[in-house]
Amino acid sequence: MATKYSMEVLDAETREWTPVALFSDIIPVDVLADMGRTLWNDVDGADDVAVIDIDTGEVVWCHTDDTWQDEPAFIDDDCGFDPYLGCYTDDC
């Protein structure tokens, strides 16, 4: 078991990356992504969150590159959400 991942936060004002946590190689990347999403939502001034492989320097996960797996494929982003109907409409 070795320290393999570093989670870092990008400050919106200074544009500097700050390491906030180190993680073992036994932690799955999807778990780190969940932690990163939570951190991004709860830290004021966080413009981005990234998980970096310490050995290679590779960005393993980044909030700005994150695609949500649970978003339905049928949603057309060009159409608006109608809050009264509770769904997306074709009438944009």
C-alpha atoms as a PDB file:
ATOM      1  CA  MET A   1       0.000   0.000   0.000  1.00  0.00           C
ATOM      2  CA  ALA A   2       1.463   3.322  -1.088  1.00  0.00           C
ATOM      3  CA  THR A   3       0.406   6.928  -1.413  1.00  0.00           C
ATOM      4  CA  LYS A   4      -0.535   7.269  -5.064  1.00  0.00           C
ATOM      5  CA  TYR A   5      -3.051  10.114  -5.529  1.00  0.00           C
ATOM      6  CA  SER A   6      -3.105  13.795  -4.630  1.00  0.00           C
ATOM      7  CA  MET A   7      -6.358  15.767  -4.605  1.00  0.00           C
ATOM      8  CA  GLU A   8      -5.862  19.436  -5.429  1.00  0.00           C
ATOM      9  CA  VAL A   9      -8.181  22.465  -5.523  1.00  0.00           C
ATOM     10  CA  LEU A  10      -7.863  25.386  -7.958  1.00  0.00           C
ATOM     11  CA  ASP A  11      -8.526  28.712  -6.236  1.00  0.00           C
ATOM     12  CA  ALA A  12     -10.851  30.913  -8.324  1.00  0.00           C
ATOM     13  CA  GLU A  13      -9.086  34.161  -7.368  1.00  0.00           C
ATOM     14  CA  THR A  14      -5.386  33.254  -7.313  1.00  0.00           C
ATOM     15  CA  ARG A  15      -5.596  30.508  -9.997  1.00  0.00           C
ATOM     16  CA  GLU A  16      -3.205  28.415  -7.884  1.00  0.00           C
ATOM     17  CA  TRP A  17      -3.544  24.690  -7.270  1.00  0.00           C
ATOM     18  CA  THR A  18      -3.451  23.695  -3.593  1.00  0.00           C
ATOM     19  CA  PRO A  19      -2.957  20.060  -2.516  1.00  0.00           C
ATOM     20  CA  VAL A  20      -5.612  19.169   0.055  1.00  0.00           C
ATOM     21  CA  ALA A  21      -5.321  15.391   0.506  1.00  0.00           C
ATOM     22  CA  LEU A  22      -3.206  12.341  -0.277  1.00  0.00           C
ATOM     23  CA  PHE A  23      -4.758   8.929  -0.953  1.00  0.00           C
ATOM     24  CA  SER A  24      -3.590   5.331  -1.040  1.00  0.00           C
ATOM     25  CA  ASP A  25      -3.457   3.230  -4.187  1.00  0.00           C
ATOM     26  CA  ILE A  26      -6.256   1.023  -2.810  1.00  0.00           C
ATOM     27  CA  ILE A  27      -8.851   3.825  -3.208  1.00  0.00           C
ATOM     28  CA  PRO A  28     -10.749   3.397  -6.523  1.00  0.00           C
ATOM     29  CA  VAL A  29     -10.765   6.421  -8.860  1.00  0.00           C
ATOM     30  CA  ASP A  30     -14.593   6.548  -8.891  1.00  0.00           C
ATOM     31  CA  VAL A  31     -14.556   6.983  -5.097  1.00  0.00           C
ATOM     32  CA  LEU A  32     -12.004   9.785  -5.458  1.00  0.00           C
ATOM     33  CA  ALA A  33     -14.246  11.397  -8.097  1.00  0.00           C
ATOM     34  CA  ASP A  34     -17.191  11.315  -5.659  1.00  0.00           C
ATOM     35  CA  MET A  35     -15.026  12.971  -3.013  1.00  0.00           C
ATOM     36  CA  GLY A  36     -13.860  15.542  -5.557  1.00  0.00           C
ATOM     37  CA  ARG A  37     -17.430  16.427  -6.557  1.00  0.00           C
ATOM     38  CA  THR A  38     -18.368  16.864  -2.903  1.00  0.00           C
ATOM     39  CA  LEU A  39     -15.297  18.992  -2.245  1.00  0.00           C
ATOM     40  CA  TRP A  40     -16.037  21.189  -5.279  1.00  0.00           C
ATOM     41  CA  ASN A  41     -19.632  21.720  -4.117  1.00  0.00           C
ATOM     42  CA  ASP A  42     -18.714  22.516  -0.504  1.00  0.00           C
ATOM     43  CA  VAL A  43     -15.573  24.685  -0.789  1.00  0.00           C
ATOM     44  CA  ASP A  44     -16.166  28.375  -1.446  1.00  0.00           C
ATOM     45  CA  GLY A  45     -13.845  29.744  -4.086  1.00  0.00           C
ATOM     46  CA  ALA A  46     -12.989  26.369  -5.607  1.00  0.00           C
ATOM     47  CA  ASP A  47     -12.905  26.741  -9.378  1.00  0.00           C
ATOM     48  CA  ASP A  48     -11.828  23.165 -10.056  1.00  0.00           C
ATOM     49  CA  VAL A  49     -10.777  19.968  -8.275  1.00  0.00           C
ATOM     50  CA  ALA A  50      -8.341  17.420  -9.697  1.00  0.00           C
ATOM     51  CA  VAL A  51      -6.978  14.016  -8.685  1.00  0.00           C
ATOM     52  CA  ILE A  52      -3.385  13.528  -9.798  1.00  0.00           C
ATOM     53  CA  ASP A  53      -1.336  10.337  -9.960  1.00  0.00           C
ATOM     54  CA  ILE A  54       1.766  11.268  -7.949  1.00  0.00           C
ATOM     55  CA  ASP A  55       3.997   8.741  -9.749  1.00  0.00           C
ATOM     56  CA  THR A  56       3.223   9.839 -13.322  1.00  0.00           C
ATOM     57  CA  GLY A  57       1.856  13.382 -12.864  1.00  0.00           C
ATOM     58  CA  GLU A  58      -1.196  12.343 -14.902  1.00  0.00           C
ATOM     59  CA  VAL A  59      -4.548  13.976 -14.091  1.00  0.00           C
ATOM     60  CA  VAL A  60      -6.729  10.964 -13.295  1.00  0.00           C
ATOM     61  CA  TRP A  61      -9.936  12.930 -12.699  1.00  0.00           C
ATOM     62  CA  CYS A  62     -10.836  16.592 -13.024  1.00  0.00           C
ATOM     63  CA  HIS A  63     -14.135  18.274 -12.146  1.00  0.00           C
ATOM     64  CA  THR A  64     -14.256  20.367 -15.336  1.00  0.00           C
ATOM     65  CA  ASP A  65     -13.792  17.222 -17.459  1.00  0.00           C
ATOM     66  CA  ASP A  66     -16.292  15.228 -15.439  1.00  0.00           C
ATOM     67  CA  THR A  67     -19.276  13.868 -17.362  1.00  0.00           C
ATOM     68  CA  TRP A  68     -22.236  12.718 -15.352  1.00  0.00           C
ATOM     69  CA  GLN A  69     -23.130   9.122 -16.115  1.00  0.00           C
ATOM     70  CA  ASP A  70     -26.686   9.447 -14.822  1.00  0.00           C
ATOM     71  CA  GLU A  71     -27.788  12.198 -17.242  1.00  0.00           C
ATOM     72  CA  PRO A  72     -30.391  10.770 -19.632  1.00  0.00           C
ATOM     73  CA  ALA A  73     -29.222  10.623 -23.230  1.00  0.00           C
ATOM     74  CA  PHE A  74     -32.565  11.892 -24.555  1.00  0.00           C
ATOM     75  CA  ILE A  75     -32.161  15.384 -23.040  1.00  0.00           C
ATOM     76  CA  ASP A  76     -31.746  17.995 -25.759  1.00  0.00           C
ATOM     77  CA  ASP A  77     -29.629  20.813 -24.321  1.00  0.00           C
ATOM     78  CA  ASP A  78     -31.041  23.200 -26.935  1.00  0.00           C
ATOM     79  CA  CYS A  79     -34.507  22.966 -25.402  1.00  0.00           C
ATOM     80  CA  GLY A  80     -35.630  24.540 -22.166  1.00  0.00           C
ATOM     81  CA  PHE A  81     -36.795  22.970 -18.950  1.00  0.00           C
ATOM     82  CA  ASP A  82     -40.439  23.739 -18.178  1.00  0.00           C
ATOM     83  CA  PRO A  83     -40.751  23.870 -14.363  1.00  0.00           C
ATOM     84  CA  TYR A  84     -44.552  23.756 -14.558  1.00  0.00           C
ATOM     85  CA  LEU A  85     -44.570  20.503 -16.516  1.00  0.00           C
ATOM     86  CA  GLY A  86     -41.467  19.189 -14.761  1.00  0.00           C
ATOM     87  CA  CYS A  87     -39.779  18.151 -17.994  1.00  0.00           C
ATOM     88  CA  TYR A  88     -37.835  19.379 -21.002  1.00  0.00           C
ATOM     89  CA  THR A  89     -39.980  20.665 -23.856  1.00  0.00           C
ATOM     90  CA  ASP A  90     -39.421  20.881 -27.602  1.00  0.00           C
ATOM     91  CA  ASP A  91     -40.923  24.369 -27.556  1.00  0.00           C
ATOM     92  CA  CYS A  92     -37.772  26.432 -27.065  1.00  0.00           C
END
